[in-house]
Amino acid sequence: MARQEILLTGSGGQGLILAGIILAEAAAVYDGANAIHNQSYGPEARGGASKSEVIISDEDIDFPEITSPDILLAMTQLAADKYSGQLKAGGTLIVDPLFVKNIPASKAAKVVKIPLTQVAREEVGRELVANIVAVGAIAVLTRLVSREAAEKAVLKRVPKGTEELNRKALMAGFAAAEKVLG
């Protein structure tokens, strides 16, 4: 696999930093690829802008920053509007339609609408795990990390006592992406 850049965007409190760490760890620790993760928050911790960058490659990663993401996850309208212009031509834009009502014009070859928050709320029982639903969906849509690696990384990173809830969220994310793919 050539260098793949994934940009996870939304607002603080949505767990996108953890989602990025999990994707990078799944790739590097459990699937044997090279991966790095960078993060940034807006001035507020909750509600401000949040961005998590993951680069996965089977080659050395010489430049540790995203220049043009192959995959963009937008969990808010503001994030979709702000970052969709950076998407690589032919890339994939993944949006949560609960929060992203207007798909911005972009170079995306594919726009994928997955109701991440709704799935977390209705199928898992906790909206809080929408980020883990997103990890599962990204694993299935991109095949950049295996399901097994994603599960191991999730279980290692989530708070003790929440493993089953998060495993259920991950499985719901796998299923939601499979449904979209048909």
C-alpha atoms as a PDB file:
ATOM      1  CA  MET A   1       0.000   0.000   0.000  1.00  0.00           C
ATOM      2  CA  ALA A   2       1.276   3.425  -0.837  1.00  0.00           C
ATOM      3  CA  ARG A   3       1.103   6.269   1.654  1.00  0.00           C
ATOM      4  CA  GLN A   4      -2.498   6.860   2.755  1.00  0.00           C
ATOM      5  CA  GLU A   5      -3.485  10.014   4.606  1.00  0.00           C
ATOM      6  CA  ILE A   6      -6.575   9.985   6.831  1.00  0.00           C
ATOM      7  CA  LEU A   7      -7.966  13.169   8.361  1.00  0.00           C
ATOM      8  CA  LEU A   8     -10.556  12.809  11.131  1.00  0.00           C
ATOM      9  CA  THR A   9     -12.338  16.092  11.844  1.00  0.00           C
ATOM     10  CA  GLY A  10     -15.129  17.327  14.053  1.00  0.00           C
ATOM     11  CA  SER A  11     -15.464  19.042  17.396  1.00  0.00           C
ATOM     12  CA  GLY A  12     -13.731  18.502  20.703  1.00  0.00           C
ATOM     13  CA  GLY A  13     -15.422  15.850  22.790  1.00  0.00           C
ATOM     14  CA  GLN A  14     -16.274  13.573  19.847  1.00  0.00           C
ATOM     15  CA  GLY A  15     -13.282  11.333  20.538  1.00  0.00           C
ATOM     16  CA  LEU A  16     -11.525  11.843  17.212  1.00  0.00           C
ATOM     17  CA  ILE A  17      -8.060  12.037  18.779  1.00  0.00           C
ATOM     18  CA  LEU A  18      -8.606   8.612  20.358  1.00  0.00           C
ATOM     19  CA  ALA A  19      -9.978   7.302  17.039  1.00  0.00           C
ATOM     20  CA  GLY A  20      -6.822   8.465  15.256  1.00  0.00           C
ATOM     21  CA  ILE A  21      -4.564   6.887  17.872  1.00  0.00           C
ATOM     22  CA  ILE A  22      -6.491   3.616  17.547  1.00  0.00           C
ATOM     23  CA  LEU A  23      -6.206   3.590  13.726  1.00  0.00           C
ATOM     24  CA  ALA A  24      -2.462   4.334  13.833  1.00  0.00           C
ATOM     25  CA  GLU A  25      -1.858   1.733  16.516  1.00  0.00           C
ATOM     26  CA  ALA A  26      -3.930  -0.880  14.675  1.00  0.00           C
ATOM     27  CA  ALA A  27      -1.840  -0.315  11.546  1.00  0.00           C
ATOM     28  CA  ALA A  28       1.594  -0.129  13.178  1.00  0.00           C
ATOM     29  CA  VAL A  29       1.411  -2.455  16.161  1.00  0.00           C
ATOM     30  CA  TYR A  30      -1.029  -5.126  14.974  1.00  0.00           C
ATOM     31  CA  ASP A  31      -0.865  -5.047  11.149  1.00  0.00           C
ATOM     32  CA  GLY A  32       2.862  -4.321  10.817  1.00  0.00           C
ATOM     33  CA  ALA A  33       2.558  -1.193   8.652  1.00  0.00           C
ATOM     34  CA  ASN A  34       4.232   2.144   9.278  1.00  0.00           C
ATOM     35  CA  ALA A  35       1.945   4.751  10.819  1.00  0.00           C
ATOM     36  CA  ILE A  36       2.018   8.108  12.553  1.00  0.00           C
ATOM     37  CA  HIS A  37      -0.576  10.208  14.294  1.00  0.00           C
ATOM     38  CA  ASN A  38      -0.799  13.952  14.877  1.00  0.00           C
ATOM     39  CA  GLN A  39      -3.568  15.872  16.595  1.00  0.00           C
ATOM     40  CA  SER A  40      -4.793  19.377  17.242  1.00  0.00           C
ATOM     41  CA  TYR A  41      -7.627  20.974  19.150  1.00  0.00           C
ATOM     42  CA  GLY A  42      -9.265  24.355  18.847  1.00  0.00           C
ATOM     43  CA  PRO A  43      -8.955  26.801  21.744  1.00  0.00           C
ATOM     44  CA  GLU A  44     -11.805  25.058  23.605  1.00  0.00           C
ATOM     45  CA  ALA A  45     -11.509  21.399  24.603  1.00  0.00           C
ATOM     46  CA  ARG A  46     -15.217  20.601  24.132  1.00  0.00           C
ATOM     47  CA  GLY A  47     -17.087  22.025  21.187  1.00  0.00           C
ATOM     48  CA  GLY A  48     -14.055  23.614  19.525  1.00  0.00           C
ATOM     49  CA  ALA A  49     -12.476  22.263  16.371  1.00  0.00           C
ATOM     50  CA  SER A  50     -10.680  18.923  16.643  1.00  0.00           C
ATOM     51  CA  LYS A  51      -8.473  17.256  14.076  1.00  0.00           C
ATOM     52  CA  SER A  52      -6.671  13.934  14.110  1.00  0.00           C
ATOM     53  CA  GLU A  53      -4.225  13.023  11.334  1.00  0.00           C
ATOM     54  CA  VAL A  54      -3.144   9.470  10.547  1.00  0.00           C
ATOM     55  CA  ILE A  55      -0.669   8.387   7.893  1.00  0.00           C
ATOM     56  CA  ILE A  56      -0.370   4.691   7.075  1.00  0.00           C
ATOM     57  CA  SER A  57       2.159   3.244   4.639  1.00  0.00           C
ATOM     58  CA  ASP A  58       4.098   0.090   3.915  1.00  0.00           C
ATOM     59  CA  GLU A  59       7.117   2.314   3.215  1.00  0.00           C
ATOM     60  CA  ASP A  60       9.024   4.705   5.481  1.00  0.00           C
ATOM     61  CA  ILE A  61       7.098   7.883   6.245  1.00  0.00           C
ATOM     62  CA  ASP A  62       9.548  10.738   5.604  1.00  0.00           C
ATOM     63  CA  PHE A  63       7.119  13.619   6.063  1.00  0.00           C
ATOM     64  CA  PRO A  64       4.918  13.258   9.140  1.00  0.00           C
ATOM     65  CA  GLU A  65       2.147  15.679   8.191  1.00  0.00           C
ATOM     66  CA  ILE A  66      -0.895  15.350   5.990  1.00  0.00           C
ATOM     67  CA  THR A  67      -0.689  17.370   2.805  1.00  0.00           C
ATOM     68  CA  SER A  68      -3.720  16.083   0.920  1.00  0.00           C
ATOM     69  CA  PRO A  69      -5.884  13.477   2.670  1.00  0.00           C
ATOM     70  CA  ASP A  70      -7.035  10.380   0.804  1.00  0.00           C
ATOM     71  CA  ILE A  71      -9.809   9.914   3.359  1.00  0.00           C
ATOM     72  CA  LEU A  72     -11.606  12.678   5.232  1.00  0.00           C
ATOM     73  CA  LEU A  73     -14.043  11.934   8.046  1.00  0.00           C
ATOM     74  CA  ALA A  74     -16.199  14.973   8.848  1.00  0.00           C
ATOM     75  CA  MET A  75     -18.307  14.656  11.995  1.00  0.00           C
ATOM     76  CA  THR A  76     -19.630  18.257  11.866  1.00  0.00           C
ATOM     77  CA  GLN A  77     -20.771  20.649   9.146  1.00  0.00           C
ATOM     78  CA  LEU A  78     -18.027  23.094  10.142  1.00  0.00           C
ATOM     79  CA  ALA A  79     -15.390  20.379   9.712  1.00  0.00           C
ATOM     80  CA  ALA A  80     -16.797  19.334   6.326  1.00  0.00           C
ATOM     81  CA  ASP A  81     -16.800  22.941   5.132  1.00  0.00           C
ATOM     82  CA  LYS A  82     -13.326  23.676   6.491  1.00  0.00           C
ATOM     83  CA  TYR A  83     -11.428  20.555   5.360  1.00  0.00           C
ATOM     84  CA  SER A  84     -13.164  19.113   2.287  1.00  0.00           C
ATOM     85  CA  GLY A  85     -11.176  21.395  -0.015  1.00  0.00           C
ATOM     86  CA  GLN A  86      -7.979  19.694   1.162  1.00  0.00           C
ATOM     87  CA  LEU A  87      -9.171  16.247   0.052  1.00  0.00           C
ATOM     88  CA  LYS A  88      -7.014  14.600  -2.589  1.00  0.00           C
ATOM     89  CA  ALA A  89      -8.621  14.371  -6.038  1.00  0.00           C
ATOM     90  CA  GLY A  90     -10.386  11.036  -6.121  1.00  0.00           C
ATOM     91  CA  GLY A  91     -10.394  10.744  -2.337  1.00  0.00           C
ATOM     92  CA  THR A  92     -13.203   9.624  -0.068  1.00  0.00           C
ATOM     93  CA  LEU A  93     -15.293  11.961   2.059  1.00  0.00           C
ATOM     94  CA  ILE A  94     -17.069  10.205   4.937  1.00  0.00           C
ATOM     95  CA  VAL A  95     -19.745  12.227   6.693  1.00  0.00           C
ATOM     96  CA  ASP A  96     -22.163  11.732   9.565  1.00  0.00           C
ATOM     97  CA  PRO A  97     -25.439  12.941   7.977  1.00  0.00           C
ATOM     98  CA  LEU A  98     -26.894  13.807  11.388  1.00  0.00           C
ATOM     99  CA  PHE A  99     -24.480  16.748  11.579  1.00  0.00           C
ATOM    100  CA  VAL A 100     -23.365  17.251   7.959  1.00  0.00           C
ATOM    101  CA  LYS A 101     -26.475  18.312   6.053  1.00  0.00           C
ATOM    102  CA  ASN A 102     -24.761  20.017   3.092  1.00  0.00           C
ATOM    103  CA  ILE A 103     -22.013  18.162   1.286  1.00  0.00           C
ATOM    104  CA  PRO A 104     -19.446  20.778   0.239  1.00  0.00           C
ATOM    105  CA  ALA A 105     -18.130  20.762  -3.297  1.00  0.00           C
ATOM    106  CA  SER A 106     -14.849  18.868  -3.213  1.00  0.00           C
ATOM    107  CA  LYS A 107     -12.572  16.682  -5.302  1.00  0.00           C
ATOM    108  CA  ALA A 108     -13.959  13.567  -3.636  1.00  0.00           C
ATOM    109  CA  ALA A 109     -14.503  10.657  -5.977  1.00  0.00           C
ATOM    110  CA  LYS A 110     -16.780   9.141  -3.371  1.00  0.00           C
ATOM    111  CA  VAL A 111     -18.965  10.638  -0.667  1.00  0.00           C
ATOM    112  CA  VAL A 112     -20.042   8.100   1.942  1.00  0.00           C
ATOM    113  CA  LYS A 113     -22.819   8.965   4.369  1.00  0.00           C
ATOM    114  CA  ILE A 114     -22.795   6.773   7.467  1.00  0.00           C
ATOM    115  CA  PRO A 115     -25.060   7.662  10.399  1.00  0.00           C
ATOM    116  CA  LEU A 116     -22.270   7.140  12.940  1.00  0.00           C
ATOM    117  CA  THR A 117     -23.916   8.979  15.815  1.00  0.00           C
ATOM    118  CA  GLN A 118     -27.321   7.422  15.167  1.00  0.00           C
ATOM    119  CA  VAL A 119     -25.776   3.935  15.041  1.00  0.00           C
ATOM    120  CA  ALA A 120     -23.949   4.623  18.326  1.00  0.00           C
ATOM    121  CA  ARG A 121     -27.136   5.870  19.969  1.00  0.00           C
ATOM    122  CA  GLU A 122     -29.627   3.331  18.629  1.00  0.00           C
ATOM    123  CA  GLU A 123     -27.599   0.154  18.150  1.00  0.00           C
ATOM    124  CA  VAL A 124     -25.007   0.492  20.884  1.00  0.00           C
ATOM    125  CA  GLY A 125     -26.946   2.598  23.367  1.00  0.00           C
ATOM    126  CA  ARG A 126     -24.377   5.376  23.869  1.00  0.00           C
ATOM    127  CA  GLU A 127     -23.792   8.316  21.530  1.00  0.00           C
ATOM    128  CA  LEU A 128     -20.401   8.717  23.188  1.00  0.00           C
ATOM    129  CA  VAL A 129     -18.981   5.773  21.183  1.00  0.00           C
ATOM    130  CA  ALA A 130     -19.653   7.269  17.726  1.00  0.00           C
ATOM    131  CA  ASN A 131     -15.871   7.614  17.361  1.00  0.00           C
ATOM    132  CA  ILE A 132     -15.426   3.847  17.754  1.00  0.00           C
ATOM    133  CA  VAL A 133     -18.272   3.240  15.284  1.00  0.00           C
ATOM    134  CA  ALA A 134     -16.262   5.487  12.927  1.00  0.00           C
ATOM    135  CA  VAL A 135     -13.092   3.408  13.460  1.00  0.00           C
ATOM    136  CA  GLY A 136     -15.010   0.271  12.453  1.00  0.00           C
ATOM    137  CA  ALA A 137     -16.522   1.965   9.418  1.00  0.00           C
ATOM    138  CA  ILE A 138     -13.145   3.325   8.273  1.00  0.00           C
ATOM    139  CA  ALA A 139     -11.525  -0.107   8.678  1.00  0.00           C
ATOM    140  CA  VAL A 140     -14.142  -1.700   6.415  1.00  0.00           C
ATOM    141  CA  LEU A 141     -14.342   1.141   3.864  1.00  0.00           C
ATOM    142  CA  THR A 142     -10.593   1.591   3.403  1.00  0.00           C
ATOM    143  CA  ARG A 143      -9.126  -1.793   4.347  1.00  0.00           C
ATOM    144  CA  LEU A 144      -6.103   0.117   5.661  1.00  0.00           C
ATOM    145  CA  VAL A 145      -6.322  -1.795   8.927  1.00  0.00           C
ATOM    146  CA  SER A 146      -7.683  -5.257   9.511  1.00  0.00           C
ATOM    147  CA  ARG A 147     -10.755  -5.830  11.636  1.00  0.00           C
ATOM    148  CA  GLU A 148      -8.672  -7.873  14.046  1.00  0.00           C
ATOM    149  CA  ALA A 149      -6.081  -5.111  14.433  1.00  0.00           C
ATOM    150  CA  ALA A 150      -8.807  -2.509  14.932  1.00  0.00           C
ATOM    151  CA  GLU A 151     -10.411  -4.624  17.650  1.00  0.00           C
ATOM    152  CA  LYS A 152      -7.114  -5.213  19.467  1.00  0.00           C
ATOM    153  CA  ALA A 153      -6.251  -1.493  19.357  1.00  0.00           C
ATOM    154  CA  VAL A 154      -9.725  -0.474  20.561  1.00  0.00           C
ATOM    155  CA  LEU A 155      -9.619  -2.902  23.480  1.00  0.00           C
ATOM    156  CA  LYS A 156      -6.140  -1.714  24.454  1.00  0.00           C
ATOM    157  CA  ARG A 157      -7.002   1.995  24.332  1.00  0.00           C
ATOM    158  CA  VAL A 158     -10.508   2.378  25.765  1.00  0.00           C
ATOM    159  CA  PRO A 159     -11.044   2.967  29.483  1.00  0.00           C
ATOM    160  CA  LYS A 160     -11.152  -0.153  31.644  1.00  0.00           C
ATOM    161  CA  GLY A 161     -14.681  -1.359  32.154  1.00  0.00           C
ATOM    162  CA  THR A 162     -15.882  -0.083  28.757  1.00  0.00           C
ATOM    163  CA  GLU A 163     -14.364  -2.834  26.614  1.00  0.00           C
ATOM    164  CA  GLU A 164     -17.650  -4.601  25.769  1.00  0.00           C
ATOM    165  CA  LEU A 165     -19.447  -1.344  24.980  1.00  0.00           C
ATOM    166  CA  ASN A 166     -16.616  -0.323  22.654  1.00  0.00           C
ATOM    167  CA  ARG A 167     -16.368  -3.776  21.057  1.00  0.00           C
ATOM    168  CA  LYS A 168     -20.103  -3.524  20.301  1.00  0.00           C
ATOM    169  CA  ALA A 169     -19.551  -0.037  18.814  1.00  0.00           C
ATOM    170  CA  LEU A 170     -16.719  -1.315  16.617  1.00  0.00           C
ATOM    171  CA  MET A 171     -18.844  -4.210  15.340  1.00  0.00           C
ATOM    172  CA  ALA A 172     -21.698  -1.771  14.656  1.00  0.00           C
ATOM    173  CA  GLY A 173     -19.250   0.350  12.633  1.00  0.00           C
ATOM    174  CA  PHE A 174     -18.181  -2.686  10.602  1.00  0.00           C
ATOM    175  CA  ALA A 175     -21.840  -3.489   9.908  1.00  0.00           C
ATOM    176  CA  ALA A 176     -22.786   0.103   9.028  1.00  0.00           C
ATOM    177  CA  ALA A 177     -19.973   0.292   6.446  1.00  0.00           C
ATOM    178  CA  GLU A 178     -20.885  -3.123   5.008  1.00  0.00           C
ATOM    179  CA  LYS A 179     -24.464  -1.911   4.610  1.00  0.00           C
ATOM    180  CA  VAL A 180     -23.303   1.181   2.719  1.00  0.00           C
ATOM    181  CA  LEU A 181     -21.053  -0.917   0.479  1.00  0.00           C
ATOM    182  CA  GLY A 182     -23.936  -3.276  -0.241  1.00  0.00           C
END
